[in-house]
Amino acid sequence: MKSGTREGAVGGQLMYLIDTDILIYSLKGHEQVIDHLQRTATASKAMSVISYGELLFGAQKSARPDENLARVRRLGEVLPVIEVSPAIMEAFGSLKARLEREGRRLDDFDLVIAATAMTVGYRLITNNEKHFARIEGLHIGNWAKV
């Protein structure tokens, strides 16, 4: 990014890629997550198509699939869903190779989510900080903490 700006910021405005766990917390009404969503109401937010797929899977296997699928689809209408692009897959390949060389493997879906955040310049909002902290250059935040 240009000097004087923070990663995940354009024109001083932070932009967020919301990870699957935080999206689940928001659907369940988690107080801290809802508070952060309200405080950042004007900021750009999105989810990866990977997170959207994970949410759809969770809804399908839930006790109330129709209700939960409707909630996930509504969330997909409110938050832009970033699809996987060749640039994201280039970043994924680079990240995966580097982490494997270092002996620090991560799940492919998580790597695609991280590559998405890095490629589009968004801060990844996740409750899995320890997991994603292994990725050098990825800017993360956690809205589930008090």
C-alpha atoms as a PDB file:
ATOM      1  CA  MET A   1       0.000   0.000   0.000  1.00  0.00           C
ATOM      2  CA  LYS A   2       1.067   3.578  -0.402  1.00  0.00           C
ATOM      3  CA  SER A   3       3.021   5.220   2.372  1.00  0.00           C
ATOM      4  CA  GLY A   4       0.812   6.838   4.988  1.00  0.00           C
ATOM      5  CA  THR A   5      -2.086   4.394   4.561  1.00  0.00           C
ATOM      6  CA  ARG A   6      -2.912   1.353   6.609  1.00  0.00           C
ATOM      7  CA  GLU A   7      -3.486  -2.065   5.074  1.00  0.00           C
ATOM      8  CA  GLY A   8      -7.200  -2.485   4.625  1.00  0.00           C
ATOM      9  CA  ALA A   9      -7.723   1.247   4.191  1.00  0.00           C
ATOM     10  CA  VAL A  10      -8.597   3.353   1.160  1.00  0.00           C
ATOM     11  CA  GLY A  11      -8.842   7.070   1.671  1.00  0.00           C
ATOM     12  CA  GLY A  12      -8.488   6.454   5.411  1.00  0.00           C
ATOM     13  CA  GLN A  13     -11.553   4.155   5.423  1.00  0.00           C
ATOM     14  CA  LEU A  14     -10.918   0.632   6.683  1.00  0.00           C
ATOM     15  CA  MET A  15     -12.275  -2.247   4.614  1.00  0.00           C
ATOM     16  CA  TYR A  16     -13.050  -5.650   6.090  1.00  0.00           C
ATOM     17  CA  LEU A  17     -13.275  -9.225   4.856  1.00  0.00           C
ATOM     18  CA  ILE A  18     -15.401 -11.019   7.425  1.00  0.00           C
ATOM     19  CA  ASP A  19     -14.337 -14.622   8.112  1.00  0.00           C
ATOM     20  CA  THR A  20     -16.822 -17.467   8.473  1.00  0.00           C
ATOM     21  CA  ASP A  21     -16.603 -17.665  12.273  1.00  0.00           C
ATOM     22  CA  ILE A  22     -17.423 -13.979  12.721  1.00  0.00           C
ATOM     23  CA  LEU A  23     -20.312 -14.283  10.251  1.00  0.00           C
ATOM     24  CA  ILE A  24     -21.683 -17.178  12.310  1.00  0.00           C
ATOM     25  CA  TYR A  25     -21.359 -15.097  15.472  1.00  0.00           C
ATOM     26  CA  SER A  26     -23.263 -12.266  13.785  1.00  0.00           C
ATOM     27  CA  LEU A  27     -26.065 -14.647  12.769  1.00  0.00           C
ATOM     28  CA  LYS A  28     -26.244 -15.860  16.380  1.00  0.00           C
ATOM     29  CA  GLY A  29     -26.398 -12.297  17.759  1.00  0.00           C
ATOM     30  CA  HIS A  30     -22.964 -12.276  19.462  1.00  0.00           C
ATOM     31  CA  GLU A  31     -22.898  -8.980  21.372  1.00  0.00           C
ATOM     32  CA  GLN A  32     -19.318  -7.883  20.605  1.00  0.00           C
ATOM     33  CA  VAL A  33     -19.619  -8.773  16.927  1.00  0.00           C
ATOM     34  CA  ILE A  34     -22.928  -6.924  16.561  1.00  0.00           C
ATOM     35  CA  ASP A  35     -21.393  -3.916  18.327  1.00  0.00           C
ATOM     36  CA  HIS A  36     -18.456  -3.861  15.883  1.00  0.00           C
ATOM     37  CA  LEU A  37     -20.773  -4.223  12.907  1.00  0.00           C
ATOM     38  CA  GLN A  38     -22.800  -1.256  14.122  1.00  0.00           C
ATOM     39  CA  ARG A  39     -19.706   0.860  14.852  1.00  0.00           C
ATOM     40  CA  THR A  40     -18.344   0.154  11.372  1.00  0.00           C
ATOM     41  CA  ALA A  41     -21.682   0.514   9.590  1.00  0.00           C
ATOM     42  CA  THR A  42     -20.281   2.847   6.933  1.00  0.00           C
ATOM     43  CA  ALA A  43     -17.105   0.839   6.274  1.00  0.00           C
ATOM     44  CA  SER A  44     -16.801  -1.501   3.301  1.00  0.00           C
ATOM     45  CA  LYS A  45     -17.338  -5.121   4.299  1.00  0.00           C
ATOM     46  CA  ALA A  46     -17.462  -8.312   2.275  1.00  0.00           C
ATOM     47  CA  MET A  47     -17.192 -12.074   2.587  1.00  0.00           C
ATOM     48  CA  SER A  48     -15.296 -14.589   0.515  1.00  0.00           C
ATOM     49  CA  VAL A  49     -17.269 -16.980  -1.646  1.00  0.00           C
ATOM     50  CA  ILE A  50     -15.544 -19.646   0.477  1.00  0.00           C
ATOM     51  CA  SER A  51     -17.204 -18.298   3.638  1.00  0.00           C
ATOM     52  CA  TYR A  52     -20.518 -18.132   1.803  1.00  0.00           C
ATOM     53  CA  GLY A  53     -20.156 -21.793   0.865  1.00  0.00           C
ATOM     54  CA  GLU A  54     -19.223 -22.765   4.409  1.00  0.00           C
ATOM     55  CA  LEU A  55     -22.286 -20.934   5.730  1.00  0.00           C
ATOM     56  CA  LEU A  56     -24.540 -22.662   3.185  1.00  0.00           C
ATOM     57  CA  PHE A  57     -23.111 -26.029   4.215  1.00  0.00           C
ATOM     58  CA  GLY A  58     -23.721 -25.280   7.895  1.00  0.00           C
ATOM     59  CA  ALA A  59     -27.285 -24.204   7.158  1.00  0.00           C
ATOM     60  CA  GLN A  60     -27.954 -27.353   5.108  1.00  0.00           C
ATOM     61  CA  LYS A  61     -26.857 -29.645   7.929  1.00  0.00           C
ATOM     62  CA  SER A  62     -28.611 -27.681  10.675  1.00  0.00           C
ATOM     63  CA  ALA A  63     -31.815 -28.680  12.479  1.00  0.00           C
ATOM     64  CA  ARG A  64     -33.663 -25.850  10.630  1.00  0.00           C
ATOM     65  CA  PRO A  65     -32.163 -25.806   7.115  1.00  0.00           C
ATOM     66  CA  ASP A  66     -34.864 -23.720   5.401  1.00  0.00           C
ATOM     67  CA  GLU A  67     -34.755 -20.982   8.032  1.00  0.00           C
ATOM     68  CA  ASN A  68     -30.958 -20.945   8.185  1.00  0.00           C
ATOM     69  CA  LEU A  69     -30.533 -21.012   4.400  1.00  0.00           C
ATOM     70  CA  ALA A  70     -32.798 -17.956   4.188  1.00  0.00           C
ATOM     71  CA  ARG A  71     -30.649 -16.175   6.789  1.00  0.00           C
ATOM     72  CA  VAL A  72     -27.413 -17.019   4.961  1.00  0.00           C
ATOM     73  CA  ARG A  73     -28.842 -15.917   1.617  1.00  0.00           C
ATOM     74  CA  ARG A  74     -29.995 -12.644   3.169  1.00  0.00           C
ATOM     75  CA  LEU A  75     -26.491 -12.115   4.549  1.00  0.00           C
ATOM     76  CA  GLY A  76     -25.167 -12.712   1.019  1.00  0.00           C
ATOM     77  CA  GLU A  77     -27.467  -9.933  -0.208  1.00  0.00           C
ATOM     78  CA  VAL A  78     -26.247  -7.503   2.461  1.00  0.00           C
ATOM     79  CA  LEU A  79     -22.529  -8.267   2.208  1.00  0.00           C
ATOM     80  CA  PRO A  80     -20.824  -8.449  -1.172  1.00  0.00           C
ATOM     81  CA  VAL A  81     -19.490 -11.937  -1.890  1.00  0.00           C
ATOM     82  CA  ILE A  82     -16.002 -11.792  -3.391  1.00  0.00           C
ATOM     83  CA  GLU A  83     -15.532 -14.536  -5.941  1.00  0.00           C
ATOM     84  CA  VAL A  84     -12.241 -16.309  -6.503  1.00  0.00           C
ATOM     85  CA  SER A  85     -10.197 -14.706  -9.272  1.00  0.00           C
ATOM     86  CA  PRO A  86      -6.937 -15.631 -10.997  1.00  0.00           C
ATOM     87  CA  ALA A  87      -5.141 -12.983  -8.875  1.00  0.00           C
ATOM     88  CA  ILE A  88      -6.497 -14.528  -5.671  1.00  0.00           C
ATOM     89  CA  MET A  89      -5.377 -17.982  -6.805  1.00  0.00           C
ATOM     90  CA  GLU A  90      -1.901 -16.609  -7.612  1.00  0.00           C
ATOM     91  CA  ALA A  91      -1.695 -15.330  -4.025  1.00  0.00           C
ATOM     92  CA  PHE A  92      -3.054 -18.657  -2.734  1.00  0.00           C
ATOM     93  CA  GLY A  93      -0.391 -20.623  -4.590  1.00  0.00           C
ATOM     94  CA  SER A  94       2.376 -18.386  -3.283  1.00  0.00           C
ATOM     95  CA  LEU A  95       1.091 -18.524   0.301  1.00  0.00           C
ATOM     96  CA  LYS A  96       0.617 -22.280   0.281  1.00  0.00           C
ATOM     97  CA  ALA A  97       4.084 -22.932  -1.141  1.00  0.00           C
ATOM     98  CA  ARG A  98       5.728 -20.596   1.369  1.00  0.00           C
ATOM     99  CA  LEU A  99       3.887 -22.063   4.359  1.00  0.00           C
ATOM    100  CA  GLU A 100       4.624 -25.632   3.286  1.00  0.00           C
ATOM    101  CA  ARG A 101       8.331 -24.805   2.883  1.00  0.00           C
ATOM    102  CA  GLU A 102       8.239 -23.453   6.442  1.00  0.00           C
ATOM    103  CA  GLY A 103       6.396 -26.539   7.718  1.00  0.00           C
ATOM    104  CA  ARG A 104       3.327 -24.485   8.682  1.00  0.00           C
ATOM    105  CA  ARG A 105       0.410 -25.852   6.689  1.00  0.00           C
ATOM    106  CA  LEU A 106      -3.057 -24.322   6.693  1.00  0.00           C
ATOM    107  CA  ASP A 107      -6.352 -25.577   5.300  1.00  0.00           C
ATOM    108  CA  ASP A 108      -6.787 -24.630   1.625  1.00  0.00           C
ATOM    109  CA  PHE A 109     -10.102 -22.842   2.239  1.00  0.00           C
ATOM    110  CA  ASP A 110      -8.486 -20.695   4.940  1.00  0.00           C
ATOM    111  CA  LEU A 111      -5.620 -19.906   2.591  1.00  0.00           C
ATOM    112  CA  VAL A 112      -8.057 -18.829  -0.134  1.00  0.00           C
ATOM    113  CA  ILE A 113      -9.809 -16.553   2.378  1.00  0.00           C
ATOM    114  CA  ALA A 114      -6.458 -15.077   3.438  1.00  0.00           C
ATOM    115  CA  ALA A 115      -5.376 -14.685  -0.200  1.00  0.00           C
ATOM    116  CA  THR A 116      -8.655 -12.905  -0.916  1.00  0.00           C
ATOM    117  CA  ALA A 117      -8.110 -10.393   1.901  1.00  0.00           C
ATOM    118  CA  MET A 118      -4.542  -9.764   0.821  1.00  0.00           C
ATOM    119  CA  THR A 119      -5.387  -9.440  -2.881  1.00  0.00           C
ATOM    120  CA  VAL A 120      -8.243  -6.974  -2.404  1.00  0.00           C
ATOM    121  CA  GLY A 121      -6.458  -5.098   0.417  1.00  0.00           C
ATOM    122  CA  TYR A 122      -9.011  -5.812   3.133  1.00  0.00           C
ATOM    123  CA  ARG A 123      -8.346  -6.540   6.811  1.00  0.00           C
ATOM    124  CA  LEU A 124      -9.475 -10.073   7.699  1.00  0.00           C
ATOM    125  CA  ILE A 125     -11.839 -10.116  10.667  1.00  0.00           C
ATOM    126  CA  THR A 126     -11.635 -13.509  12.378  1.00  0.00           C
ATOM    127  CA  ASN A 127     -11.796 -15.125  15.777  1.00  0.00           C
ATOM    128  CA  ASN A 128      -9.041 -17.455  14.644  1.00  0.00           C
ATOM    129  CA  GLU A 129      -6.182 -14.988  15.082  1.00  0.00           C
ATOM    130  CA  LYS A 130      -3.584 -17.567  16.102  1.00  0.00           C
ATOM    131  CA  HIS A 131      -4.307 -19.623  13.009  1.00  0.00           C
ATOM    132  CA  PHE A 132      -4.144 -16.721  10.541  1.00  0.00           C
ATOM    133  CA  ALA A 133      -1.241 -14.972  12.315  1.00  0.00           C
ATOM    134  CA  ARG A 134       1.075 -17.462  10.587  1.00  0.00           C
ATOM    135  CA  ILE A 135       0.508 -15.625   7.315  1.00  0.00           C
ATOM    136  CA  GLU A 136       3.028 -12.839   6.961  1.00  0.00           C
ATOM    137  CA  GLY A 137       1.536  -9.664   5.528  1.00  0.00           C
ATOM    138  CA  LEU A 138      -2.077 -10.558   6.377  1.00  0.00           C
ATOM    139  CA  HIS A 139      -3.734  -7.884   8.488  1.00  0.00           C
ATOM    140  CA  ILE A 140      -6.250  -9.313  10.926  1.00  0.00           C
ATOM    141  CA  GLY A 141      -8.685  -8.126  13.549  1.00  0.00           C
ATOM    142  CA  ASN A 142     -11.024  -9.890  15.956  1.00  0.00           C
ATOM    143  CA  TRP A 143     -14.503  -8.560  16.611  1.00  0.00           C
ATOM    144  CA  ALA A 144     -15.452 -11.410  18.965  1.00  0.00           C
ATOM    145  CA  LYS A 145     -13.177 -10.254  21.787  1.00  0.00           C
ATOM    146  CA  VAL A 146     -14.425  -8.073  24.606  1.00  0.00           C
END
